[in-house]
């Protein structure tokens, strides 16, 4: 991701928003690839909603559709910053979605 962002926009800081946009686009392209050569809106929706899981190890947790339309992917890490560097307080891991009533 870092190399791709720098190719398109040299010097661009890789913020949380940039990462979210990059991985969202990557997920979309994975669904397009799964849909195959005869891409239509219908084949894309069918491909994305039929046993389709998107994951980037240690970066984007397993996101399975169609459930992901309404349920989050409960993965993340907790970091702190001193203004110039980050320190990992809780390493990246995935948990479970907890229903809230």
N, C-alpha and C. Protein backbone atom coordinates (compact mmCIF):
# COMPACT_ATOMS: atom_id res chain seq x y z
N UNK A 1 0.81 -1.18 0.00
CA UNK A 1 0.00 0.00 0.00
C UNK A 1 0.87 1.26 0.00
N UNK A 2 1.88 1.28 0.84
CA UNK A 2 2.72 2.47 0.93
C UNK A 2 3.36 2.80 -0.42
N UNK A 3 3.90 1.78 -1.08
CA UNK A 3 4.54 2.01 -2.38
C UNK A 3 3.51 2.49 -3.41
N UNK A 4 2.33 1.89 -3.41
CA UNK A 4 1.29 2.29 -4.37
C UNK A 4 0.87 3.75 -4.16
N UNK A 5 0.67 4.14 -2.91
CA UNK A 5 0.27 5.52 -2.61
C UNK A 5 1.36 6.49 -3.07
N UNK A 6 2.60 6.16 -2.79
CA UNK A 6 3.70 7.06 -3.16
C UNK A 6 3.88 7.16 -4.67
N UNK A 7 3.54 6.10 -5.42
CA UNK A 7 3.61 6.16 -6.89
C UNK A 7 2.59 7.16 -7.44
N UNK A 8 1.41 7.18 -6.84
CA UNK A 8 0.33 8.04 -7.31
C UNK A 8 0.49 9.46 -6.78
N UNK A 9 0.89 9.59 -5.52
CA UNK A 9 0.99 10.90 -4.88
C UNK A 9 2.24 10.97 -4.02
N UNK A 10 3.40 11.19 -4.64
CA UNK A 10 4.64 11.26 -3.86
C UNK A 10 4.55 12.26 -2.71
N UNK A 11 4.99 11.82 -1.53
CA UNK A 11 4.98 12.68 -0.37
C UNK A 11 3.66 12.69 0.38
N UNK A 12 2.64 12.02 -0.16
CA UNK A 12 1.32 11.98 0.50
C UNK A 12 1.44 11.24 1.83
N UNK A 13 1.06 11.87 2.93
CA UNK A 13 1.04 11.13 4.20
C UNK A 13 -0.01 10.02 4.12
N UNK A 14 0.32 8.85 4.63
CA UNK A 14 -0.63 7.74 4.63
C UNK A 14 -1.40 7.81 5.95
N UNK A 15 -2.54 8.44 5.87
CA UNK A 15 -3.40 8.63 7.04
C UNK A 15 -4.41 7.48 7.12
N UNK A 16 -5.19 7.48 8.19
CA UNK A 16 -6.23 6.48 8.33
C UNK A 16 -7.22 6.58 7.17
N UNK A 17 -7.53 7.78 6.73
CA UNK A 17 -8.47 7.97 5.61
C UNK A 17 -7.89 7.42 4.31
N UNK A 18 -6.61 7.65 4.07
CA UNK A 18 -5.96 7.12 2.86
C UNK A 18 -5.98 5.59 2.90
N UNK A 19 -5.66 5.01 4.04
CA UNK A 19 -5.66 3.54 4.17
C UNK A 19 -7.07 2.99 3.94
N UNK A 20 -8.08 3.62 4.52
CA UNK A 20 -9.46 3.15 4.34
C UNK A 20 -9.86 3.19 2.87
N UNK A 21 -9.51 4.26 2.18
CA UNK A 21 -9.82 4.36 0.76
C UNK A 21 -9.08 3.33 -0.06
N UNK A 22 -7.81 3.13 0.24
CA UNK A 22 -7.00 2.16 -0.50
C UNK A 22 -7.57 0.75 -0.35
N UNK A 23 -7.84 0.34 0.91
CA UNK A 23 -8.32 -1.04 1.12
C UNK A 23 -9.74 -1.21 0.62
N UNK A 24 -10.56 -0.16 0.65
CA UNK A 24 -11.90 -0.24 0.07
C UNK A 24 -11.83 -0.47 -1.44
N UNK A 25 -10.94 0.24 -2.09
CA UNK A 25 -10.76 0.06 -3.54
C UNK A 25 -10.22 -1.34 -3.84
N UNK A 26 -9.31 -1.83 -3.00
CA UNK A 26 -8.75 -3.16 -3.19
C UNK A 26 -9.82 -4.23 -3.03
N UNK A 27 -10.70 -4.06 -2.04
CA UNK A 27 -11.82 -4.99 -1.83
C UNK A 27 -12.71 -4.99 -3.08
N UNK A 28 -13.03 -3.80 -3.59
CA UNK A 28 -13.87 -3.70 -4.79
C UNK A 28 -13.23 -4.44 -5.97
N UNK A 29 -11.92 -4.24 -6.16
CA UNK A 29 -11.24 -4.90 -7.27
C UNK A 29 -11.22 -6.42 -7.10
N UNK A 30 -11.12 -6.90 -5.86
CA UNK A 30 -11.18 -8.35 -5.61
C UNK A 30 -12.56 -8.90 -5.99
N UNK A 31 -13.61 -8.15 -5.69
CA UNK A 31 -14.97 -8.58 -6.06
C UNK A 31 -15.14 -8.55 -7.58
N UNK A 32 -14.60 -7.53 -8.23
CA UNK A 32 -14.66 -7.45 -9.70
C UNK A 32 -13.94 -8.65 -10.31
N UNK A 33 -12.79 -9.00 -9.78
CA UNK A 33 -12.03 -10.15 -10.29
C UNK A 33 -12.84 -11.44 -10.11
N UNK A 34 -13.49 -11.59 -8.96
CA UNK A 34 -14.29 -12.78 -8.71
C UNK A 34 -15.48 -12.84 -9.67
N UNK A 35 -16.04 -11.69 -10.04
CA UNK A 35 -17.19 -11.64 -10.94
C UNK A 35 -16.84 -12.16 -12.33
N UNK A 36 -15.59 -12.02 -12.74
CA UNK A 36 -15.16 -12.58 -14.01
C UNK A 36 -15.28 -11.65 -15.20
N UNK A 37 -15.09 -12.24 -16.38
CA UNK A 37 -15.01 -11.46 -17.62
C UNK A 37 -16.31 -10.80 -18.02
N UNK A 38 -17.43 -11.40 -17.68
CA UNK A 38 -18.73 -10.86 -18.07
C UNK A 38 -19.28 -9.98 -16.95
N UNK A 39 -18.56 -8.91 -16.64
CA UNK A 39 -18.91 -8.04 -15.53
C UNK A 39 -20.14 -7.19 -15.84
N UNK A 40 -21.13 -7.32 -14.97
CA UNK A 40 -22.33 -6.47 -14.99
C UNK A 40 -22.63 -6.15 -13.54
N UNK A 41 -23.50 -5.19 -13.29
CA UNK A 41 -23.88 -4.95 -11.89
C UNK A 41 -24.39 -6.23 -11.21
N UNK A 42 -25.17 -7.02 -11.92
CA UNK A 42 -25.74 -8.24 -11.35
C UNK A 42 -24.66 -9.29 -11.04
N UNK A 43 -23.69 -9.47 -11.95
CA UNK A 43 -22.65 -10.46 -11.69
C UNK A 43 -21.72 -10.01 -10.57
N UNK A 44 -21.52 -8.71 -10.45
CA UNK A 44 -20.70 -8.19 -9.35
C UNK A 44 -21.38 -8.43 -8.01
N UNK A 45 -22.67 -8.11 -7.92
CA UNK A 45 -23.41 -8.32 -6.67
C UNK A 45 -23.44 -9.81 -6.32
N UNK A 46 -23.68 -10.65 -7.30
CA UNK A 46 -23.73 -12.10 -7.05
C UNK A 46 -22.37 -12.60 -6.56
N UNK A 47 -21.30 -12.17 -7.20
CA UNK A 47 -19.96 -12.61 -6.80
C UNK A 47 -19.62 -12.14 -5.39
N UNK A 48 -19.95 -10.90 -5.08
CA UNK A 48 -19.62 -10.34 -3.77
C UNK A 48 -20.46 -10.96 -2.66
N UNK A 49 -21.65 -11.43 -2.98
CA UNK A 49 -22.54 -11.96 -1.95
C UNK A 49 -22.59 -13.48 -1.90
N UNK A 50 -21.67 -14.13 -2.61
CA UNK A 50 -21.63 -15.59 -2.62
C UNK A 50 -20.25 -16.07 -2.17
N UNK A 51 -20.16 -16.43 -0.89
CA UNK A 51 -18.91 -16.95 -0.32
C UNK A 51 -17.70 -16.08 -0.67
N UNK A 52 -17.84 -14.79 -0.49
CA UNK A 52 -16.75 -13.85 -0.77
C UNK A 52 -16.23 -13.29 0.55
N UNK A 53 -14.95 -13.50 0.79
CA UNK A 53 -14.30 -12.96 1.98
C UNK A 53 -13.07 -12.19 1.52
N UNK A 54 -12.92 -10.99 2.04
CA UNK A 54 -11.76 -10.15 1.74
C UNK A 54 -10.93 -10.04 3.01
N UNK A 55 -9.62 -10.22 2.86
CA UNK A 55 -8.72 -10.13 4.02
C UNK A 55 -7.32 -9.76 3.57
N UNK A 56 -6.66 -8.93 4.34
CA UNK A 56 -5.25 -8.62 4.16
C UNK A 56 -4.60 -8.96 5.49
N UNK A 57 -3.80 -10.02 5.56
CA UNK A 57 -3.24 -10.46 6.84
C UNK A 57 -2.60 -9.33 7.64
N UNK A 58 -2.93 -9.28 8.92
CA UNK A 58 -2.41 -8.31 9.88
C UNK A 58 -2.77 -6.86 9.54
N UNK A 59 -3.75 -6.67 8.64
CA UNK A 59 -4.12 -5.33 8.22
C UNK A 59 -5.63 -5.15 8.15
N UNK A 60 -6.30 -6.01 7.39
CA UNK A 60 -7.75 -5.97 7.23
C UNK A 60 -8.27 -7.35 7.61
N UNK A 61 -9.07 -7.42 8.67
CA UNK A 61 -9.58 -8.71 9.13
C UNK A 61 -10.53 -9.32 8.13
N UNK A 62 -10.83 -10.60 8.30
CA UNK A 62 -11.73 -11.26 7.35
C UNK A 62 -13.09 -10.57 7.31
N UNK A 63 -13.43 -10.10 6.12
CA UNK A 63 -14.69 -9.38 5.89
C UNK A 63 -15.50 -10.25 4.94
N UNK A 64 -16.55 -10.87 5.46
CA UNK A 64 -17.31 -11.84 4.69
C UNK A 64 -18.67 -11.27 4.31
N UNK A 65 -18.98 -11.40 3.04
CA UNK A 65 -20.26 -10.92 2.52
C UNK A 65 -21.17 -12.11 2.26
N UNK A 66 -22.47 -11.93 2.43
CA UNK A 66 -23.21 -10.68 2.56
C UNK A 66 -23.28 -10.13 4.00
N UNK A 67 -22.81 -10.87 4.99
CA UNK A 67 -22.92 -10.40 6.39
C UNK A 67 -22.29 -9.03 6.59
N UNK A 68 -21.22 -8.73 5.88
CA UNK A 68 -20.50 -7.46 6.08
C UNK A 68 -21.30 -6.24 5.65
N UNK A 69 -22.42 -6.45 4.98
CA UNK A 69 -23.28 -5.30 4.64
C UNK A 69 -23.85 -4.66 5.90
N UNK A 70 -24.01 -5.46 6.96
CA UNK A 70 -24.63 -4.92 8.17
C UNK A 70 -23.87 -5.22 9.46
N UNK A 71 -22.80 -6.02 9.37
CA UNK A 71 -22.01 -6.33 10.57
C UNK A 71 -20.56 -5.92 10.34
N UNK A 72 -19.94 -5.31 11.35
CA UNK A 72 -18.55 -4.88 11.19
C UNK A 72 -17.57 -6.04 11.25
N UNK A 73 -16.36 -5.77 10.85
CA UNK A 73 -15.26 -6.72 11.00
C UNK A 73 -14.52 -6.29 12.26
N UNK A 74 -14.62 -7.06 13.34
CA UNK A 74 -14.10 -6.63 14.64
C UNK A 74 -12.60 -6.88 14.81
N UNK A 75 -11.80 -6.15 14.07
CA UNK A 75 -10.35 -6.31 14.15
C UNK A 75 -9.70 -4.95 14.34
N UNK A 76 -8.56 -4.94 14.99
CA UNK A 76 -7.86 -3.68 15.15
C UNK A 76 -6.70 -3.80 16.12
N UNK A 77 -6.04 -2.70 16.34
CA UNK A 77 -4.92 -2.59 17.28
C UNK A 77 -5.11 -1.29 18.04
N UNK A 78 -4.42 -1.17 19.14
CA UNK A 78 -4.47 0.06 19.91
C UNK A 78 -3.05 0.61 19.99
N UNK A 79 -2.88 1.86 19.56
CA UNK A 79 -1.57 2.49 19.59
C UNK A 79 -1.66 3.85 20.29
N UNK A 80 -0.53 4.31 20.76
CA UNK A 80 -0.43 5.67 21.29
C UNK A 80 0.66 6.38 20.51
N UNK A 81 0.65 7.70 20.60
CA UNK A 81 1.66 8.48 19.90
C UNK A 81 2.20 9.56 20.83
N UNK A 82 3.49 9.82 20.70
CA UNK A 82 4.09 10.93 21.45
C UNK A 82 4.22 12.17 20.56
N UNK A 83 3.61 12.12 19.39
CA UNK A 83 3.66 13.23 18.46
C UNK A 83 4.64 13.02 17.32
N UNK A 84 5.59 12.10 17.49
CA UNK A 84 6.54 11.82 16.42
C UNK A 84 6.65 10.34 16.11
N UNK A 85 6.15 9.48 17.00
CA UNK A 85 6.23 8.03 16.79
C UNK A 85 5.04 7.35 17.45
N UNK A 86 4.71 6.17 16.95
CA UNK A 86 3.63 5.37 17.51
C UNK A 86 4.21 4.23 18.32
N UNK A 87 3.47 3.84 19.34
CA UNK A 87 3.83 2.70 20.18
C UNK A 87 2.61 1.78 20.25
N UNK A 88 2.80 0.50 19.92
CA UNK A 88 1.70 -0.45 19.95
C UNK A 88 1.43 -0.85 21.39
N UNK A 89 0.21 -0.61 21.85
CA UNK A 89 -0.20 -0.98 23.21
C UNK A 89 -0.94 -2.31 23.23
N UNK A 90 -1.75 -2.55 22.20
CA UNK A 90 -2.45 -3.82 22.04
C UNK A 90 -2.25 -4.24 20.59
N UNK A 91 -1.57 -5.39 20.35
CA UNK A 91 -1.30 -5.82 18.98
C UNK A 91 -2.59 -6.11 18.19
N UNK A 92 -2.48 -6.04 16.88
CA UNK A 92 -3.59 -6.32 15.98
C UNK A 92 -4.16 -7.70 16.28
N UNK A 93 -5.47 -7.76 16.40
CA UNK A 93 -6.16 -9.04 16.59
C UNK A 93 -7.61 -8.86 16.16
N UNK A 94 -8.30 -9.98 16.03
CA UNK A 94 -9.71 -9.96 15.68
C UNK A 94 -10.50 -10.62 16.80
N UNK A 95 -11.68 -10.08 17.05
CA UNK A 95 -12.55 -10.61 18.10
C UNK A 95 -13.89 -11.00 17.52
N UNK A 96 -14.93 -10.80 18.28
CA UNK A 96 -16.28 -11.14 17.86
C UNK A 96 -17.16 -9.90 17.94
N UNK A 97 -18.19 -9.86 17.13
CA UNK A 97 -19.17 -8.78 17.19
C UNK A 97 -20.07 -9.07 18.38
N UNK A 98 -20.24 -8.08 19.23
CA UNK A 98 -21.09 -8.22 20.41
C UNK A 98 -22.40 -7.47 20.14
N UNK A 99 -23.52 -8.18 20.17
CA UNK A 99 -24.79 -7.49 19.92
C UNK A 99 -25.11 -6.49 21.03
N UNK A 100 -25.65 -5.36 20.65
CA UNK A 100 -26.05 -4.34 21.61
C UNK A 100 -27.56 -4.16 21.47
N UNK A 101 -28.25 -4.27 22.57
CA UNK A 101 -29.72 -4.11 22.54
C UNK A 101 -30.11 -2.70 22.88
